[in-house]
Protein backbone atom coordinates (compact mmCIF):
# COMPACT_ATOMS: atom_id res chain seq x y z
CA MET A 1 52.05 123.38 101.66
CA GLY A 2 54.92 121.34 103.15
CA PHE A 3 58.48 122.51 102.56
CA ARG A 4 59.50 119.27 100.86
CA VAL A 5 56.42 119.27 98.62
CA ALA A 6 56.96 122.92 97.79
CA LEU A 7 60.58 122.09 97.01
CA LYS A 8 59.48 119.61 94.35
CA LEU A 9 56.94 121.98 92.85
CA SER A 10 59.42 124.81 92.77
CA PHE A 11 61.59 122.91 90.30
CA THR A 12 59.21 123.83 87.49
CA ALA A 13 59.22 127.43 88.60
CA TYR A 14 62.99 127.52 88.35
CA PHE A 15 63.41 125.30 85.29
CA PRO A 16 60.24 125.47 83.12
CA ASN A 17 60.42 123.21 80.04
CA LYS A 18 64.19 123.21 79.92
CA VAL A 19 66.41 120.38 78.80
CA GLY A 20 68.27 118.76 81.70
CA VAL A 21 65.75 119.87 84.30
CA LEU A 22 66.22 116.65 86.30
CA CYS A 23 69.99 117.06 86.39
CA MET A 24 69.63 120.66 87.57
CA ALA A 25 66.87 119.81 90.05
CA ARG A 26 68.86 117.12 91.80
CA PRO A 27 71.43 119.48 93.39
CA TYR A 28 68.60 121.79 94.41
CA LYS A 29 66.82 118.90 96.12
CA GLU A 30 70.03 118.06 97.97
CA ALA A 31 70.32 121.68 99.06
CA GLY A 32 66.79 121.54 100.45
CA ARG A 33 67.59 118.36 102.33
CA ARG A 34 70.72 119.88 103.88
CA LEU A 35 68.81 122.99 104.91
CA TYR A 36 66.06 120.88 106.47
CA GLU A 37 68.62 118.96 108.53
CA THR A 38 70.12 122.22 109.80
CA ALA A 39 66.72 123.73 110.59
CA GLN A 40 65.57 120.54 112.28
CA SER A 41 68.35 120.88 114.86
CA GLN A 42 67.28 124.49 115.49
CA GLN A 43 63.52 124.10 115.94
CA GLY A 44 62.87 125.00 112.31
CA PHE A 45 65.02 128.15 112.30
CA PHE A 46 68.06 128.87 110.14
CA THR A 47 70.15 131.84 109.09
CA THR A 48 70.90 133.36 105.70
CA LYS A 49 74.45 132.02 105.90
CA GLN A 50 73.23 128.53 106.74
CA ALA A 51 70.86 128.54 103.76
CA ILE A 52 73.68 129.65 101.45
CA ARG A 53 76.01 127.00 102.86
CA ALA A 54 73.32 124.39 102.25
CA GLY A 55 73.38 125.36 98.57
CA LEU A 56 70.51 127.85 98.26
CA ALA A 57 71.80 131.07 96.70
CA GLU A 58 70.80 134.27 98.48
CA LYS A 59 68.94 135.51 95.39
CA THR A 60 66.46 132.62 95.84
CA HIS A 61 65.59 133.44 99.45
CA ALA A 62 62.98 136.07 98.61
CA TYR A 63 61.27 133.53 96.35
CA HIS A 64 60.90 131.02 99.19
CA VAL A 65 59.44 133.69 101.48
CA LYS A 66 56.98 134.80 98.79
CA ALA A 67 56.05 131.19 97.99
CA GLY A 68 55.30 130.55 101.64
CA ASN A 69 58.08 127.99 102.13
CA TRP A 70 59.97 130.16 104.60
CA VAL A 71 58.99 132.80 107.14
CA ARG A 72 61.36 135.71 107.65
CA VAL A 73 61.36 136.29 111.40
CA HIS A 74 64.24 138.74 111.71
CA ARG A 75 66.98 140.19 109.61
CA GLY A 76 69.04 137.23 108.41
CA ILE A 77 66.92 134.63 110.25
CA TYR A 78 64.16 132.45 108.78
CA ARG A 79 61.91 129.59 109.82
CA LEU A 80 60.56 126.72 107.74
CA ALA A 81 56.86 127.52 107.38
CA ASP A 82 55.66 123.93 107.86
CA PHE A 83 57.94 123.03 110.75
CA PRO A 84 56.06 122.23 113.99
CA PRO A 85 56.31 125.28 116.27
CA ALA A 86 58.40 124.92 119.44
CA GLU A 87 57.00 125.74 122.87
CA ARG A 88 59.33 128.75 123.11
CA PRO A 89 60.38 129.72 119.56
CA ASP A 90 61.60 133.11 120.80
CA LEU A 91 64.45 131.42 122.66
CA MET A 92 65.97 129.90 119.52
CA LEU A 93 65.39 133.06 117.48
CA TRP A 94 67.45 135.31 119.74
CA PHE A 95 69.98 132.59 120.45
CA LEU A 96 70.74 132.50 116.71
CA TRP A 97 70.73 136.30 116.65
CA SER A 98 73.69 136.18 119.05
CA GLN A 99 75.90 134.30 116.57
CA ASN A 100 79.38 135.65 115.98
CA ARG A 101 81.12 135.81 112.61
CA LYS A 102 82.01 132.14 112.94
CA GLU A 103 78.27 131.41 113.28
CA ILE A 104 78.62 130.34 116.92
CA PRO A 105 75.86 131.65 119.22
CA GLU A 106 77.42 133.64 122.04
CA GLY A 107 74.34 134.41 124.09
CA THR A 108 73.28 132.57 127.24
CA TYR A 109 69.85 133.14 128.77
CA SER A 110 70.30 134.38 132.33
CA HIS A 111 68.89 136.41 135.23
CA GLU A 112 65.05 136.57 135.32
CA THR A 113 64.74 134.58 132.08
CA ALA A 114 66.89 131.71 133.37
CA LEU A 115 65.01 131.73 136.69
CA SER A 116 61.76 131.31 134.77
CA LEU A 117 63.18 128.58 132.50
CA HIS A 118 64.35 126.61 135.54
CA GLU A 119 60.83 127.04 136.97
CA LEU A 120 62.23 128.42 140.20
CA SER A 121 59.89 131.38 140.36
CA ASP A 122 56.55 132.61 139.08
CA ILE A 123 58.25 135.76 137.79
CA MET A 124 57.31 136.28 134.15
CA PRO A 125 59.81 138.78 132.72
CA SER A 126 58.48 140.90 129.85
CA LYS A 127 61.93 140.88 128.23
CA LEU A 128 64.53 138.22 127.57
CA HIS A 129 67.72 138.51 129.58
CA LEU A 130 70.77 137.35 127.66
CA THR A 131 74.35 137.32 128.91
CA VAL A 132 76.93 137.85 126.17
CA PRO A 133 80.75 138.00 126.29
CA LYS A 134 82.33 141.35 127.07
CA HIS A 135 83.66 141.57 123.51
CA PHE A 136 80.18 141.07 121.98
CA ARG A 137 79.28 143.77 119.46
CA ARG A 138 76.41 144.50 117.07
CA ASN A 139 76.37 147.21 114.40
CA SER A 140 72.58 147.27 114.35
CA ARG A 141 70.25 148.36 117.14
CA ILE A 142 69.69 145.84 119.94
CA PRO A 143 66.08 144.51 119.71
CA GLU A 144 63.85 145.95 122.43
CA ILE A 145 62.82 142.47 123.59
CA LEU A 146 66.39 141.82 124.79
CA VAL A 147 68.24 142.95 127.89
CA LEU A 148 71.94 142.28 127.41
CA HIS A 149 74.31 141.57 130.31
CA ARG A 150 78.03 141.43 129.61
CA ALA A 151 80.13 138.80 131.35
CA ASN A 152 82.52 136.04 130.38
CA LEU A 153 80.83 132.94 131.75
CA ASN A 154 82.65 129.77 132.74
CA GLU A 155 81.50 126.53 131.13
CA SER A 156 80.52 125.30 134.59
CA ASP A 157 78.01 128.18 134.82
CA VAL A 158 76.11 127.12 131.69
CA GLN A 159 73.84 124.27 130.69
CA ASP A 160 71.66 123.30 127.73
CA ALA A 161 67.89 123.74 127.98
CA HIS A 162 65.19 124.14 125.33
CA GLY A 163 67.92 123.74 122.70
CA VAL A 164 69.75 126.89 123.88
CA LYS A 165 72.29 127.90 126.52
CA VAL A 166 71.03 128.87 130.00
CA THR A 167 72.90 129.79 133.17
CA ARG A 168 72.74 127.12 135.84
CA PRO A 169 70.52 127.78 138.89
CA LEU A 170 73.41 128.74 141.20
CA ARG A 171 74.84 131.26 138.73
CA THR A 172 71.35 132.53 137.93
CA ILE A 173 70.56 133.33 141.55
CA LEU A 174 73.97 134.91 142.15
CA ASP A 175 73.42 137.12 139.10
CA LEU A 176 70.03 138.23 140.41
CA LEU A 177 71.43 139.01 143.84
CA GLY A 178 74.03 141.16 142.12
CA THR A 179 71.45 143.25 140.30
CA GLY A 180 69.17 143.85 143.28
CA ARG A 181 66.14 143.93 140.97
CA VAL A 182 64.38 140.92 142.46
CA ASP A 183 63.01 140.94 145.99
CA LYS A 184 65.08 138.79 148.34
CA SER A 185 62.00 136.92 149.50
CA GLN A 186 61.48 135.70 145.94
CA ILE A 187 65.14 134.79 145.63
CA GLY A 188 64.86 132.90 148.90
CA GLN A 189 61.91 130.94 147.53
CA ALA A 190 63.94 130.17 144.39
CA ILE A 191 66.80 128.87 146.53
CA ASP A 192 64.36 126.77 148.53
CA GLU A 193 62.94 125.21 145.36
CA ALA A 194 66.39 124.63 143.85
CA LEU A 195 67.58 122.89 147.02
CA ARG A 196 64.42 120.79 147.20
CA ARG A 197 64.84 119.62 143.59
CA GLY A 198 68.57 119.05 143.89
CA LEU A 199 69.43 121.76 141.36
CA ILE A 200 71.78 123.31 143.91
CA ARG A 201 73.75 121.19 146.37
CA LYS A 202 74.83 122.10 149.89
CA LYS A 203 78.49 121.50 148.97
CA GLN A 204 78.18 124.06 146.17
CA ILE A 205 76.98 126.65 148.67
CA ASP A 206 79.72 125.75 151.16
CA SER A 207 82.39 126.10 148.46
CA LEU A 208 81.37 129.64 147.49
CA PRO A 209 84.13 132.21 148.15
CA HIS A 210 83.52 134.71 150.93
CA THR A 211 82.44 137.85 149.11
CA GLU A 212 79.53 140.08 150.01
CA LEU A 213 77.45 138.58 147.18
CA GLN A 214 78.21 134.95 148.06
CA ASP A 215 77.69 135.64 151.76
CA SER A 216 74.25 137.06 150.96
CA PHE A 217 73.44 133.90 149.01
CA ARG A 218 74.76 131.72 151.84
CA GLU A 219 72.65 133.65 154.37
CA LEU A 220 69.49 133.20 152.31
CA ALA A 221 70.26 129.52 151.77
CA GLY A 222 70.86 129.08 155.49
CA GLN A 223 67.39 130.45 156.19
CA ARG A 224 65.89 127.75 153.95
CA ARG A 225 67.56 124.76 155.65
């Protein structure tokens, strides 16, 4: 059953045979519309706070899950049941999970995950690598699917992809060189592909400061020219 259809049918469940049902239903319909607009920009996902701000009281959320209108995917995060699934719904889920108290996502996909998203390697990481600010804190346990890296990224290091934030190819490869987890031959292939597709420019490589990490990148890039 579609969310909008279920929204209309749910009016009678909330207001059975009561005077003024249409007057009461109208604000509820508006709340559903506002929630849909929010979820539409987030691949069908939304948070508890976003639903409340749209006008749907928290006490009604369990009803929508039970009725099949919403799917609870994680604590405080839902998905509209009839919304077309995204190619990578996990990316938006954990991006929303990284929201701060101002409801601004602070996570940026990086390292092996970013390398895969940029299609610069055939590495398929079993976990999602997410870089968060150094001040990032969670009271609850970090989900096992996530590997958190702490760094304060510059805006120039980040781009939008798949509706979420991802480190740019240059930053991604520098991060991987810093960890030493990925074989240098694979990193070299990633550099080769990034240069071929214009995702990294020669002038970017030439402008890197002379540190051990940047020199290692420059050496690998020089082998690909």
